[in-house]
Every structure is written in C-alpha cells, then in structure tokens.
PDB file of N, CA and C in Angstrom:
ATOM      1  N   MET A   1     154.719  12.337  38.271  1.00  0.00           N
ATOM      2  CA  MET A   1     153.673  11.348  38.367  1.00  0.00           C
ATOM      3  C   MET A   1     153.291  10.817  36.971  1.00  0.00           C
ATOM      4  N   LEU A   2     153.258  11.709  35.977  1.00  0.00           N
ATOM      5  CA  LEU A   2     152.906  11.273  34.618  1.00  0.00           C
ATOM      6  C   LEU A   2     153.914  10.249  34.095  1.00  0.00           C
ATOM      7  N   ARG A   3     155.185  10.466  34.371  1.00  0.00           N
ATOM      8  CA  ARG A   3     156.206   9.507  33.926  1.00  0.00           C
ATOM      9  C   ARG A   3     156.037   8.155  34.630  1.00  0.00           C
ATOM     10  N   LYS A   4     155.735   8.208  35.917  1.00  0.00           N
ATOM     11  CA  LYS A   4     155.517   6.973  36.675  1.00  0.00           C
ATOM     12  C   LYS A   4     154.326   6.206  36.099  1.00  0.00           C
ATOM     13  N   LEU A   5     153.239   6.905  35.803  1.00  0.00           N
ATOM     14  CA  LEU A   5     152.059   6.261  35.216  1.00  0.00           C
ATOM     15  C   LEU A   5     152.379   5.688  33.840  1.00  0.00           C
ATOM     16  N   ARG A   6     153.152   6.437  33.052  1.00  0.00           N
ATOM     17  CA  ARG A   6     153.563   5.933  31.735  1.00  0.00           C
ATOM     18  C   ARG A   6     154.370   4.642  31.884  1.00  0.00           C
ATOM     19  N   ASP A   7     155.306   4.632  32.824  1.00  0.00           N
ATOM     20  CA  ASP A   7     156.152   3.456  33.041  1.00  0.00           C
ATOM     21  C   ASP A   7     155.349   2.259  33.537  1.00  0.00           C
ATOM     22  N   GLN A   8     154.198   2.527  34.163  1.00  0.00           N
ATOM     23  CA  GLN A   8     153.320   1.455  34.631  1.00  0.00           C
ATOM     24  C   GLN A   8     152.314   1.035  33.561  1.00  0.00           C
ATOM     25  N   ALA A   9     152.414   1.628  32.374  1.00  0.00           N
ATOM     26  CA  ALA A   9     151.509   1.346  31.249  1.00  0.00           C
ATOM     27  C   ALA A   9     150.053   1.641  31.618  1.00  0.00           C
ATOM     28  N   ALA A  10     149.851   2.672  32.413  1.00  0.00           N
ATOM     29  CA  ALA A  10     148.493   3.082  32.776  1.00  0.00           C
ATOM     30  C   ALA A  10     147.826   3.747  31.580  1.00  0.00           C
ATOM     31  N   SER A  11     146.510   3.772  31.585  1.00  0.00           N
ATOM     32  CA  SER A  11     145.767   4.500  30.553  1.00  0.00           C
ATOM     33  C   SER A  11     144.470   5.018  31.169  1.00  0.00           C
ATOM     34  N   PHE A  12     143.974   6.103  30.564  1.00  0.00           N
ATOM     35  CA  PHE A  12     142.832   6.793  31.146  1.00  0.00           C
ATOM     36  C   PHE A  12     141.870   7.263  30.063  1.00  0.00           C
ATOM     37  N   ASP A  13     140.606   7.413  30.452  1.00  0.00           N
ATOM     38  CA  ASP A  13     139.589   7.992  29.569  1.00  0.00           C
ATOM     39  C   ASP A  13     139.658   9.514  29.569  1.00  0.00           C
ATOM     40  N   MET A  14     140.092  10.098  30.695  1.00  0.00           N
ATOM     41  CA  MET A  14     140.185  11.546  30.818  1.00  0.00           C
ATOM     42  C   MET A  14     141.350  11.908  31.725  1.00  0.00           C
ATOM     43  N   ILE A  15     142.052  12.962  31.321  1.00  0.00           N
ATOM     44  CA  ILE A  15     143.131  13.506  32.145  1.00  0.00           C
ATOM     45  C   ILE A  15     142.933  15.015  32.200  1.00  0.00           C
ATOM     46  N   VAL A  16     143.063  15.579  33.407  1.00  0.00           N
ATOM     47  CA  VAL A  16     142.982  17.025  33.595  1.00  0.00           C
ATOM     48  C   VAL A  16     144.359  17.512  34.040  1.00  0.00           C
ATOM     49  N   LEU A  17     144.909  18.459  33.278  1.00  0.00           N
ATOM     50  CA  LEU A  17     146.183  19.076  33.631  1.00  0.00           C
ATOM     51  C   LEU A  17     145.925  20.520  34.037  1.00  0.00           C
ATOM     52  N   ASP A  18     146.233  20.859  35.269  1.00  0.00           N
ATOM     53  CA  ASP A  18     146.065  22.219  35.778  1.00  0.00           C
ATOM     54  C   ASP A  18     147.320  22.592  36.559  1.00  0.00           C
ATOM     55  N   PRO A  19     148.429  22.787  35.834  1.00  0.00           N
ATOM     56  CA  PRO A  19     149.706  23.034  36.510  1.00  0.00           C
ATOM     57  C   PRO A  19     149.787  24.451  37.071  1.00  0.00           C
ATOM     58  N   PRO A  20     150.777  24.693  37.920  1.00  0.00           N
ATOM     59  CA  PRO A  20     151.001  26.059  38.396  1.00  0.00           C
ATOM     60  C   PRO A  20     151.501  26.939  37.251  1.00  0.00           C
ATOM     61  N   LYS A  21     151.587  28.214  37.511  1.00  0.00           N
ATOM     62  CA  LYS A  21     152.059  29.175  36.507  1.00  0.00           C
ATOM     63  C   LYS A  21     153.510  28.865  36.139  1.00  0.00           C
ATOM     64  N   PHE A  22     153.745  28.515  34.863  1.00  0.00           N
ATOM     65  CA  PHE A  22     155.103  28.241  34.391  1.00  0.00           C
ATOM     66  C   PHE A  22     155.772  29.490  33.831  1.00  0.00           C
ATOM     67  N   ALA A  23     154.989  30.477  33.381  1.00  0.00           N
ATOM     68  CA  ALA A  23     155.553  31.685  32.761  1.00  0.00           C
ATOM     69  C   ALA A  23     154.811  32.922  33.255  1.00  0.00           C
ATOM     70  N   PRO A  24     155.324  33.559  34.298  1.00  0.00           N
ATOM     71  CA  PRO A  24     154.653  34.761  34.777  1.00  0.00           C
ATOM     72  C   PRO A  24     154.720  35.913  33.767  1.00  0.00           C
ATOM     73  N   THR A  25     155.760  35.930  32.945  1.00  0.00           N
ATOM     74  CA  THR A  25     155.893  36.966  31.910  1.00  0.00           C
ATOM     75  C   THR A  25     156.319  36.309  30.601  1.00  0.00           C
ATOM     76  N   ALA A  26     156.244  37.077  29.518  1.00  0.00           N
ATOM     77  CA  ALA A  26     156.642  36.565  28.203  1.00  0.00           C
ATOM     78  C   ALA A  26     158.118  36.168  28.178  1.00  0.00           C
ATOM     79  N   ALA A  27     158.934  36.749  29.038  1.00  0.00           N
ATOM     80  CA  ALA A  27     160.358  36.406  29.091  1.00  0.00           C
ATOM     81  C   ALA A  27     160.568  34.945  29.495  1.00  0.00           C
ATOM     82  N   HIS A  28     159.591  34.363  30.164  1.00  0.00           N
ATOM     83  CA  HIS A  28     159.685  32.974  30.609  1.00  0.00           C
ATOM     84  C   HIS A  28     158.992  31.996  29.644  1.00  0.00           C
ATOM     85  N   ALA A  29     158.482  32.493  28.537  1.00  0.00           N
ATOM     86  CA  ALA A  29     157.645  31.682  27.648  1.00  0.00           C
ATOM     87  C   ALA A  29     158.381  30.484  27.051  1.00  0.00           C
ATOM     88  N   GLU A  30     159.642  30.658  26.682  1.00  0.00           N
ATOM     89  CA  GLU A  30     160.358  29.544  26.052  1.00  0.00           C
ATOM     90  C   GLU A  30     160.519  28.366  27.010  1.00  0.00           C
ATOM     91  N   LYS A  31     160.951  28.646  28.220  1.00  0.00           N
ATOM     92  CA  LYS A  31     161.116  27.577  29.215  1.00  0.00           C
ATOM     93  C   LYS A  31     159.759  26.966  29.566  1.00  0.00           C
ATOM     94  N   ALA A  32     158.755  27.814  29.721  1.00  0.00           N
ATOM     95  CA  ALA A  32     157.416  27.336  30.047  1.00  0.00           C
ATOM     96  C   ALA A  32     156.855  26.471  28.926  1.00  0.00           C
ATOM     97  N   SER A  33     157.127  26.847  27.688  1.00  0.00           N
ATOM     98  CA  SER A  33     156.635  26.069  26.542  1.00  0.00           C
ATOM     99  C   SER A  33     157.136  24.635  26.594  1.00  0.00           C
ATOM    100  N   ARG A  34     158.397  24.473  26.964  1.00  0.00           N
ATOM    101  CA  ARG A  34     158.959  23.114  27.080  1.00  0.00           C
ATOM    102  C   ARG A  34     158.235  22.326  28.174  1.00  0.00           C
ATOM    103  N   ALA A  35     157.963  22.983  29.300  1.00  0.00           N
ATOM    104  CA  ALA A  35     157.287  22.301  30.409  1.00  0.00           C
ATOM    105  C   ALA A  35     155.852  21.930  30.035  1.00  0.00           C
ATOM    106  N   TYR A  36     155.132  22.873  29.410  1.00  0.00           N
ATOM    107  CA  TYR A  36     153.756  22.575  28.979  1.00  0.00           C
ATOM    108  C   TYR A  36     153.739  21.450  27.942  1.00  0.00           C
ATOM    109  N   LYS A  37     154.692  21.487  27.023  1.00  0.00           N
ATOM    110  CA  LYS A  37     154.733  20.448  25.992  1.00  0.00           C
ATOM    111  C   LYS A  37     154.993  19.087  26.640  1.00  0.00           C
ATOM    112  N   ASP A  38     155.906  19.038  27.574  1.00  0.00           N
ATOM    113  CA  ASP A  38     156.250  17.776  28.228  1.00  0.00           C
ATOM    114  C   ASP A  38     155.046  17.150  28.926  1.00  0.00           C
ATOM    115  N   ILE A  39     154.326  17.925  29.724  1.00  0.00           N
ATOM    116  CA  ILE A  39     153.205  17.330  30.455  1.00  0.00           C
ATOM    117  C   ILE A  39     152.055  16.961  29.522  1.00  0.00           C
ATOM    118  N   ASN A  40     151.838  17.765  28.475  1.00  0.00           N
ATOM    119  CA  ASN A  40     150.768  17.438  27.531  1.00  0.00           C
ATOM    120  C   ASN A  40     151.117  16.221  26.693  1.00  0.00           C
ATOM    121  N   LEU A  41     152.381  16.086  26.303  1.00  0.00           N
ATOM    122  CA  LEU A  41     152.817  14.914  25.550  1.00  0.00           C
ATOM    123  C   LEU A  41     152.608  13.645  26.382  1.00  0.00           C
ATOM    124  N   LEU A  42     153.039  13.685  27.626  1.00  0.00           N
ATOM    125  CA  LEU A  42     152.871  12.514  28.498  1.00  0.00           C
ATOM    126  C   LEU A  42     151.395  12.188  28.691  1.00  0.00           C
ATOM    127  N   ALA A  43     150.586  13.213  28.907  1.00  0.00           N
ATOM    128  CA  ALA A  43     149.155  12.984  29.110  1.00  0.00           C
ATOM    129  C   ALA A  43     148.510  12.379  27.868  1.00  0.00           C
ATOM    130  N   LEU A  44     148.854  12.889  26.697  1.00  0.00           N
ATOM    131  CA  LEU A  44     148.277  12.353  25.457  1.00  0.00           C
ATOM    132  C   LEU A  44     148.663  10.892  25.250  1.00  0.00           C
ATOM    133  N   LYS A  45     149.871  10.532  25.641  1.00  0.00           N
ATOM    134  CA  LYS A  45     150.293   9.132  25.531  1.00  0.00           C
ATOM    135  C   LYS A  45     149.531   8.231  26.508  1.00  0.00           C
ATOM    136  N   LEU A  46     149.075   8.795  27.625  1.00  0.00           N
ATOM    137  CA  LEU A  46     148.348   8.018  28.627  1.00  0.00           C
ATOM    138  C   LEU A  46     146.864   7.882  28.308  1.00  0.00           C
ATOM    139  N   LEU A  47     146.380   8.689  27.367  1.00  0.00           N
ATOM    140  CA  LEU A  47     144.958   8.652  27.036  1.00  0.00           C
ATOM    141  C   LEU A  47     144.603   7.480  26.149  1.00  0.00           C
ATOM    142  N   ASP A  48     143.452   6.880  26.436  1.00  0.00           N
ATOM    143  CA  ASP A  48     142.883   5.874  25.545  1.00  0.00           C
ATOM    144  C   ASP A  48     142.388   6.571  24.278  1.00  0.00           C
ATOM    145  N   PRO A  49     142.272   5.844  23.162  1.00  0.00           N
ATOM    146  CA  PRO A  49     141.628   6.433  21.985  1.00  0.00           C
ATOM    147  C   PRO A  49     140.244   6.960  22.363  1.00  0.00           C
ATOM    148  N   ASP A  50     139.897   8.109  21.848  1.00  0.00           N
ATOM    149  CA  ASP A  50     138.669   8.842  22.165  1.00  0.00           C
ATOM    150  C   ASP A  50     138.675   9.408  23.584  1.00  0.00           C
ATOM    151  N   GLY A  51     139.808   9.345  24.264  1.00  0.00           N
ATOM    152  CA  GLY A  51     139.916   9.938  25.591  1.00  0.00           C
ATOM    153  C   GLY A  51     140.007  11.447  25.511  1.00  0.00           C
ATOM    154  N   LEU A  52     139.690  12.108  26.624  1.00  0.00           N
ATOM    155  CA  LEU A  52     139.693  13.564  26.677  1.00  0.00           C
ATOM    156  C   LEU A  52     140.832  14.085  27.537  1.00  0.00           C
ATOM    157  N   LEU A  53     141.517  15.082  27.004  1.00  0.00           N
ATOM    158  CA  LEU A  53     142.524  15.821  27.750  1.00  0.00           C
ATOM    159  C   LEU A  53     141.951  17.209  28.002  1.00  0.00           C
ATOM    160  N   VAL A  54     141.853  17.581  29.260  1.00  0.00           N
ATOM    161  CA  VAL A  54     141.427  18.919  29.640  1.00  0.00           C
ATOM    162  C   VAL A  54     142.678  19.587  30.206  1.00  0.00           C
ATOM    163  N   THR A  55     143.236  20.506  29.437  1.00  0.00           N
ATOM    164  CA  THR A  55     144.535  21.068  29.787  1.00  0.00           C
ATOM    165  C   THR A  55     144.448  22.583  29.926  1.00  0.00           C
ATOM    166  N   PHE A  56     145.139  23.093  30.936  1.00  0.00           N
ATOM    167  CA  PHE A  56     145.068  24.514  31.261  1.00  0.00           C
ATOM    168  C   PHE A  56     146.451  25.135  31.362  1.00  0.00           C
ATOM    169  N   SER A  57     146.469  26.446  31.176  1.00  0.00           N
ATOM    170  CA  SER A  57     147.634  27.272  31.465  1.00  0.00           C
ATOM    171  C   SER A  57     147.141  28.522  32.165  1.00  0.00           C
ATOM    172  N   CYS A  58     147.786  28.886  33.258  1.00  0.00           N
ATOM    173  CA  CYS A  58     147.463  30.143  33.938  1.00  0.00           C
ATOM    174  C   CYS A  58     148.648  31.099  33.839  1.00  0.00           C
ATOM    175  N   SER A  59     149.487  30.897  32.815  1.00  0.00           N
ATOM    176  CA  SER A  59     150.669  31.727  32.600  1.00  0.00           C
ATOM    177  C   SER A  59     150.342  32.913  31.713  1.00  0.00           C
ATOM    178  N   GLY A  60     150.505  34.105  32.244  1.00  0.00           N
ATOM    179  CA  GLY A  60     150.288  35.302  31.453  1.00  0.00           C
ATOM    180  C   GLY A  60     151.265  35.435  30.307  1.00  0.00           C
ATOM    181  N   GLY A  61     152.446  34.836  30.437  1.00  0.00           N
ATOM    182  CA  GLY A  61     153.462  34.918  29.394  1.00  0.00           C
ATOM    183  C   GLY A  61     153.240  33.964  28.234  1.00  0.00           C
ATOM    184  N   VAL A  62     152.222  33.127  28.313  1.00  0.00           N
ATOM    185  CA  VAL A  62     151.879  32.180  27.232  1.00  0.00           C
ATOM    186  C   VAL A  62     150.460  32.515  26.787  1.00  0.00           C
ATOM    187  N   ASN A  63     150.334  33.068  25.570  1.00  0.00           N
ATOM    188  CA  ASN A  63     148.991  33.440  25.100  1.00  0.00           C
ATOM    189  C   ASN A  63     148.260  32.213  24.546  1.00  0.00           C
ATOM    190  N   SER A  64     147.002  32.390  24.222  1.00  0.00           N
ATOM    191  CA  SER A  64     146.159  31.272  23.764  1.00  0.00           C
ATOM    192  C   SER A  64     146.685  30.625  22.501  1.00  0.00           C
ATOM    193  N   ASP A  65     147.159  31.434  21.558  1.00  0.00           N
ATOM    194  CA  ASP A  65     147.698  30.880  20.307  1.00  0.00           C
ATOM    195  C   ASP A  65     148.922  30.007  20.567  1.00  0.00           C
ATOM    196  N   LEU A  66     149.832  30.506  21.399  1.00  0.00           N
ATOM    197  CA  LEU A  66     151.030  29.734  21.724  1.00  0.00           C
ATOM    198  C   LEU A  66     150.657  28.454  22.463  1.00  0.00           C
ATOM    199  N   PHE A  67     149.709  28.547  23.390  1.00  0.00           N
ATOM    200  CA  PHE A  67     149.303  27.359  24.137  1.00  0.00           C
ATOM    201  C   PHE A  67     148.746  26.288  23.196  1.00  0.00           C
ATOM    202  N   GLN A  68     147.928  26.697  22.235  1.00  0.00           N
ATOM    203  CA  GLN A  68     147.395  25.738  21.262  1.00  0.00           C
ATOM    204  C   GLN A  68     148.525  25.115  20.446  1.00  0.00           C
ATOM    205  N   LYS A  69     149.500  25.912  20.032  1.00  0.00           N
ATOM    206  CA  LYS A  69     150.643  25.382  19.273  1.00  0.00           C
ATOM    207  C   LYS A  69     151.438  24.388  20.102  1.00  0.00           C
ATOM    208  N   ILE A  70     151.588  24.669  21.383  1.00  0.00           N
ATOM    209  CA  ILE A  70     152.311  23.763  22.276  1.00  0.00           C
ATOM    210  C   ILE A  70     151.590  22.414  22.357  1.00  0.00           C
ATOM    211  N   VAL A  71     150.278  22.455  22.547  1.00  0.00           N
ATOM    212  CA  VAL A  71     149.502  21.217  22.652  1.00  0.00           C
ATOM    213  C   VAL A  71     149.527  20.465  21.314  1.00  0.00           C
ATOM    214  N   ALA A  72     149.468  21.193  20.211  1.00  0.00           N
ATOM    215  CA  ALA A  72     149.552  20.555  18.889  1.00  0.00           C
ATOM    216  C   ALA A  72     150.909  19.885  18.696  1.00  0.00           C
ATOM    217  N   ALA A  73     151.968  20.541  19.112  1.00  0.00           N
ATOM    218  CA  ALA A  73     153.310  19.951  19.003  1.00  0.00           C
ATOM    219  C   ALA A  73     153.436  18.720  19.898  1.00  0.00           C
ATOM    220  N   ALA A  74     152.811  18.765  21.064  1.00  0.00           N
ATOM    221  CA  ALA A  74     152.822  17.601  21.962  1.00  0.00           C
ATOM    222  C   ALA A  74     152.108  16.427  21.311  1.00  0.00           C
ATOM    223  N   ALA A  75     150.978  16.687  20.660  1.00  0.00           N
ATOM    224  CA  ALA A  75     150.244  15.617  19.975  1.00  0.00           C
ATOM    225  C   ALA A  75     151.078  15.046  18.836  1.00  0.00           C
ATOM    226  N   ALA A  76     151.758  15.903  18.101  1.00  0.00           N
ATOM    227  CA  ALA A  76     152.608  15.426  17.001  1.00  0.00           C
ATOM    228  C   ALA A  76     153.737  14.546  17.540  1.00  0.00           C
ATOM    229  N   ASP A  77     154.379  14.993  18.601  1.00  0.00           N
ATOM    230  CA  ASP A  77     155.470  14.204  19.188  1.00  0.00           C
ATOM    231  C   ASP A  77     154.968  12.908  19.814  1.00  0.00           C
ATOM    232  N   ALA A  78     153.738  12.903  20.292  1.00  0.00           N
ATOM    233  CA  ALA A  78     153.146  11.693  20.863  1.00  0.00           C
ATOM    234  C   ALA A  78     152.624  10.763  19.773  1.00  0.00           C
ATOM    235  N   ALA A  79     152.665  11.238  18.535  1.00  0.00           N
ATOM    236  CA  ALA A  79     152.187  10.469  17.373  1.00  0.00           C
ATOM    237  C   ALA A  79     150.713  10.094  17.514  1.00  0.00           C
ATOM    238  N   VAL A  80     149.909  11.068  17.969  1.00  0.00           N
ATOM    239  CA  VAL A  80     148.466  10.861  18.076  1.00  0.00           C
ATOM    240  C   VAL A  80     147.748  11.978  17.330  1.00  0.00           C
ATOM    241  N   ASP A  81     146.580  11.656  16.821  1.00  0.00           N
ATOM    242  CA  ASP A  81     145.728  12.674  16.237  1.00  0.00           C
ATOM    243  C   ASP A  81     144.863  13.219  17.358  1.00  0.00           C
ATOM    244  N   ALA A  82     144.684  14.519  17.375  1.00  0.00           N
ATOM    245  CA  ALA A  82     143.895  15.143  18.437  1.00  0.00           C
ATOM    246  C   ALA A  82     143.038  16.244  17.836  1.00  0.00           C
ATOM    247  N   GLN A  83     141.907  16.462  18.470  1.00  0.00           N
ATOM    248  CA  GLN A  83     140.959  17.479  18.004  1.00  0.00           C
ATOM    249  C   GLN A  83     140.557  18.359  19.173  1.00  0.00           C
ATOM    250  N   ILE A  84     140.513  19.664  18.933  1.00  0.00           N
ATOM    251  CA  ILE A  84     140.048  20.588  19.962  1.00  0.00           C
ATOM    252  C   ILE A  84     138.524  20.530  19.986  1.00  0.00           C
ATOM    253  N   ILE A  85     137.982  20.151  21.111  1.00  0.00           N
ATOM    254  CA  ILE A  85     136.539  20.072  21.302  1.00  0.00           C
ATOM    255  C   ILE A  85     135.999  21.417  21.779  1.00  0.00           C
ATOM    256  N   GLU A  86     136.764  22.058  22.670  1.00  0.00           N
ATOM    257  CA  GLU A  86     136.315  23.334  23.215  1.00  0.00           C
ATOM    258  C   GLU A  86     137.507  24.123  23.743  1.00  0.00           C
ATOM    259  N   ARG A  87     137.422  25.461  23.632  1.00  0.00           N
ATOM    260  CA  ARG A  87     138.400  26.382  24.214  1.00  0.00           C
ATOM    261  C   ARG A  87     137.785  26.958  25.482  1.00  0.00           C
ATOM    262  N   LEU A  88     138.610  27.057  26.523  1.00  0.00           N
ATOM    263  CA  LEU A  88     138.127  27.527  27.812  1.00  0.00           C
ATOM    264  C   LEU A  88     138.903  28.767  28.242  1.00  0.00           C
ATOM    265  N   GLY A  89     138.258  29.587  29.040  1.00  0.00           N
ATOM    266  CA  GLY A  89     138.902  30.782  29.571  1.00  0.00           C
ATOM    267  C   GLY A  89     138.167  31.241  30.807  1.00  0.00           C
ATOM    268  N   ALA A  90     138.586  32.389  31.300  1.00  0.00           N
ATOM    269  CA  ALA A  90     137.944  32.948  32.486  1.00  0.00           C
ATOM    270  C   ALA A  90     136.515  33.363  32.151  1.00  0.00           C
ATOM    271  N   ALA A  91     135.687  33.401  33.163  1.00  0.00           N
ATOM    272  CA  ALA A  91     134.288  33.807  32.996  1.00  0.00           C
ATOM    273  C   ALA A  91     134.201  35.290  32.652  1.00  0.00           C
ATOM    274  N   SER A  92     133.050  35.694  32.172  1.00  0.00           N
ATOM    275  CA  SER A  92     132.857  37.074  31.733  1.00  0.00           C
ATOM    276  C   SER A  92     132.977  38.087  32.879  1.00  0.00           C
ATOM    277  N   ASP A  93     132.923  37.636  34.118  1.00  0.00           N
ATOM    278  CA  ASP A  93     133.097  38.560  35.240  1.00  0.00           C
ATOM    279  C   ASP A  93     134.577  38.813  35.548  1.00  0.00           C
ATOM    280  N   HIS A  94     135.456  38.361  34.654  1.00  0.00           N
ATOM    281  CA  HIS A  94     136.896  38.563  34.796  1.00  0.00           C
ATOM    282  C   HIS A  94     137.403  39.302  33.547  1.00  0.00           C
ATOM    283  N   PRO A  95     137.076  40.601  33.431  1.00  0.00           N
ATOM    284  CA  PRO A  95     137.461  41.343  32.225  1.00  0.00           C
ATOM    285  C   PRO A  95     138.975  41.519  32.121  1.00  0.00           C
ATOM    286  N   VAL A  96     139.440  41.713  30.901  1.00  0.00           N
ATOM    287  CA  VAL A  96     140.863  41.877  30.621  1.00  0.00           C
ATOM    288  C   VAL A  96     141.082  43.278  30.065  1.00  0.00           C
ATOM    289  N   SER A  97     142.006  43.992  30.667  1.00  0.00           N
ATOM    290  CA  SER A  97     142.336  45.329  30.179  1.00  0.00           C
ATOM    291  C   SER A  97     142.972  45.236  28.799  1.00  0.00           C
ATOM    292  N   ILE A  98     142.543  46.073  27.894  1.00  0.00           N
ATOM    293  CA  ILE A  98     143.114  46.098  26.550  1.00  0.00           C
ATOM    294  C   ILE A  98     144.591  46.497  26.576  1.00  0.00           C
ATOM    295  N   HIS A  99     145.005  47.151  27.657  1.00  0.00           N
ATOM    296  CA  HIS A  99     146.395  47.596  27.805  1.00  0.00           C
ATOM    297  C   HIS A  99     147.268  46.569  28.517  1.00  0.00           C
ATOM    298  N   PHE A 100     146.669  45.470  28.962  1.00  0.00           N
ATOM    299  CA  PHE A 100     147.412  44.442  29.696  1.00  0.00           C
ATOM    300  C   PHE A 100     146.924  43.063  29.254  1.00  0.00           C
ATOM    301  N   PRO A 101     147.313  42.645  28.019  1.00  0.00           N
ATOM    302  CA  PRO A 101     146.816  41.367  27.497  1.00  0.00           C
ATOM    303  C   PRO A 101     147.230  40.165  28.345  1.00  0.00           C
ATOM    304  N   GLU A 102     148.308  40.304  29.120  1.00  0.00           N
ATOM    305  CA  GLU A 102     148.728  39.200  29.989  1.00  0.00           C
ATOM    306  C   GLU A 102     147.684  38.907  31.062  1.00  0.00           C
ATOM    307  N   GLY A 103     146.743  39.849  31.241  1.00  0.00           N
ATOM    308  CA  GLY A 103     145.658  39.635  32.184  1.00  0.00           C
ATOM    309  C   GLY A 103     144.724  38.518  31.756  1.00  0.00           C
ATOM    310  N   GLU A 104     144.802  38.151  30.490  1.00  0.00           N
ATOM    311  CA  GLU A 104     144.034  37.002  29.990  1.00  0.00           C
ATOM    312  C   GLU A 104     144.890  35.754  30.169  1.00  0.00           C
ATOM    313  N   TYR A 105     145.195  35.491  31.412  1.00  0.00           N
ATOM    314  CA  TYR A 105     146.155  34.434  31.724  1.00  0.00           C
ATOM    315  C   TYR A 105     145.540  33.039  31.738  1.00  0.00           C
ATOM    316  N   LEU A 106     144.256  32.919  32.056  1.00  0.00           N
ATOM    317  CA  LEU A 106     143.650  31.597  32.168  1.00  0.00           C
ATOM    318  C   LEU A 106     143.137  31.135  30.809  1.00  0.00           C
ATOM    319  N   LYS A 107     143.663  30.014  30.367  1.00  0.00           N
ATOM    320  CA  LYS A 107     143.232  29.446  29.088  1.00  0.00           C
ATOM    321  C   LYS A 107     143.227  27.933  29.217  1.00  0.00           C
ATOM    322  N   GLY A 108     142.354  27.318  28.469  1.00  0.00           N
ATOM    323  CA  GLY A 108     142.275  25.867  28.516  1.00  0.00           C
ATOM    324  C   GLY A 108     141.739  25.301  27.223  1.00  0.00           C
ATOM    325  N   LEU A 109     142.013  24.044  27.023  1.00  0.00           N
ATOM    326  CA  LEU A 109     141.529  23.314  25.849  1.00  0.00           C
ATOM    327  C   LEU A 109     140.978  21.972  26.298  1.00  0.00           C
ATOM    328  N   ILE A 110     139.872  21.602  25.700  1.00  0.00           N
ATOM    329  CA  ILE A 110     139.395  20.218  25.826  1.00  0.00           C
ATOM    330  C   ILE A 110     139.737  19.561  24.500  1.00  0.00           C
ATOM    331  N   VAL A 111     140.570  18.547  24.574  1.00  0.00           N
ATOM    332  CA  VAL A 111     141.114  17.888  23.388  1.00  0.00           C
ATOM    333  C   VAL A 111     140.716  16.417  23.425  1.00  0.00           C
ATOM    334  N   ARG A 112     140.238  15.939  22.299  1.00  0.00           N
ATOM    335  CA  ARG A 112     139.919  14.518  22.190  1.00  0.00           C
ATOM    336  C   ARG A 112     141.012  13.841  21.391  1.00  0.00           C
ATOM    337  N   ARG A 113     141.550  12.785  21.967  1.00  0.00           N
ATOM    338  CA  ARG A 113     142.531  11.983  21.246  1.00  0.00           C
ATOM    339  C   ARG A 113     141.764  11.091  20.294  1.00  0.00           C
ATOM    340  N   ALA A 114     142.011  11.242  19.011  1.00  0.00           N
ATOM    341  CA  ALA A 114     141.286  10.457  17.994  1.00  0.00           C
ATOM    342  C   ALA A 114     141.865   9.067  17.864  1.00  0.00           C
TER     343      ALA A 114
END
C-alpha cells in the first residue's frame, strides 16, 4: 500500500506504522531490519514537512537501539532530516524479565520529519 500511495504522489501529516512481528528471534533480525527499513523509508517519503511518523516494532529479535538505527538509516536513504520526539514502549504493568530481554518486544518512536 505504501508503494501505491508513493506512486500516486500522496502525502500525509501523520503516518502510523504498526506491522506484524518481523523478527521473532535475533536470528531473524537481519531480514526484519530490511523490512522495517523499507516501510519506514516509504513512510518518511510520504510525510509532509513537519509531519509525524509513529512507528512500532513488536519483534523481540530487534532491540530498541537497532530499531532506532533502522529508522535513522531509512531517514538517510529518504534524504530527509528527522527528529525523535518520543520513545514508546509497553506500559509499566508489562514487566520484562532481566533473564529474557526479548520480552521487551514492544517499542516505538514518534519521529518528526523536519
């Protein structure tokens, strides 16, 4: 759908990306990274200047640092400047075991296209 909208020269003030789990484990992180980068790159290209991208990952195999790097690489490839407005995650009633960091699977960023 993002490619179709791009081909139609659509543009938006806000886009929310909430894809399914691309990487259930770290072994899937490389393939998932490409998929996350692709959808974020397309979304950033569809955003108007000062538009907001609200992007999520529910993949346990992609940690918060990697997810931020993926979104940053997407912005670079889209040739847009972007700023992280807010980092999002699960609510405090969803604790993460120190022995199972993949349990911190829900992560999100609110990014403003400058």
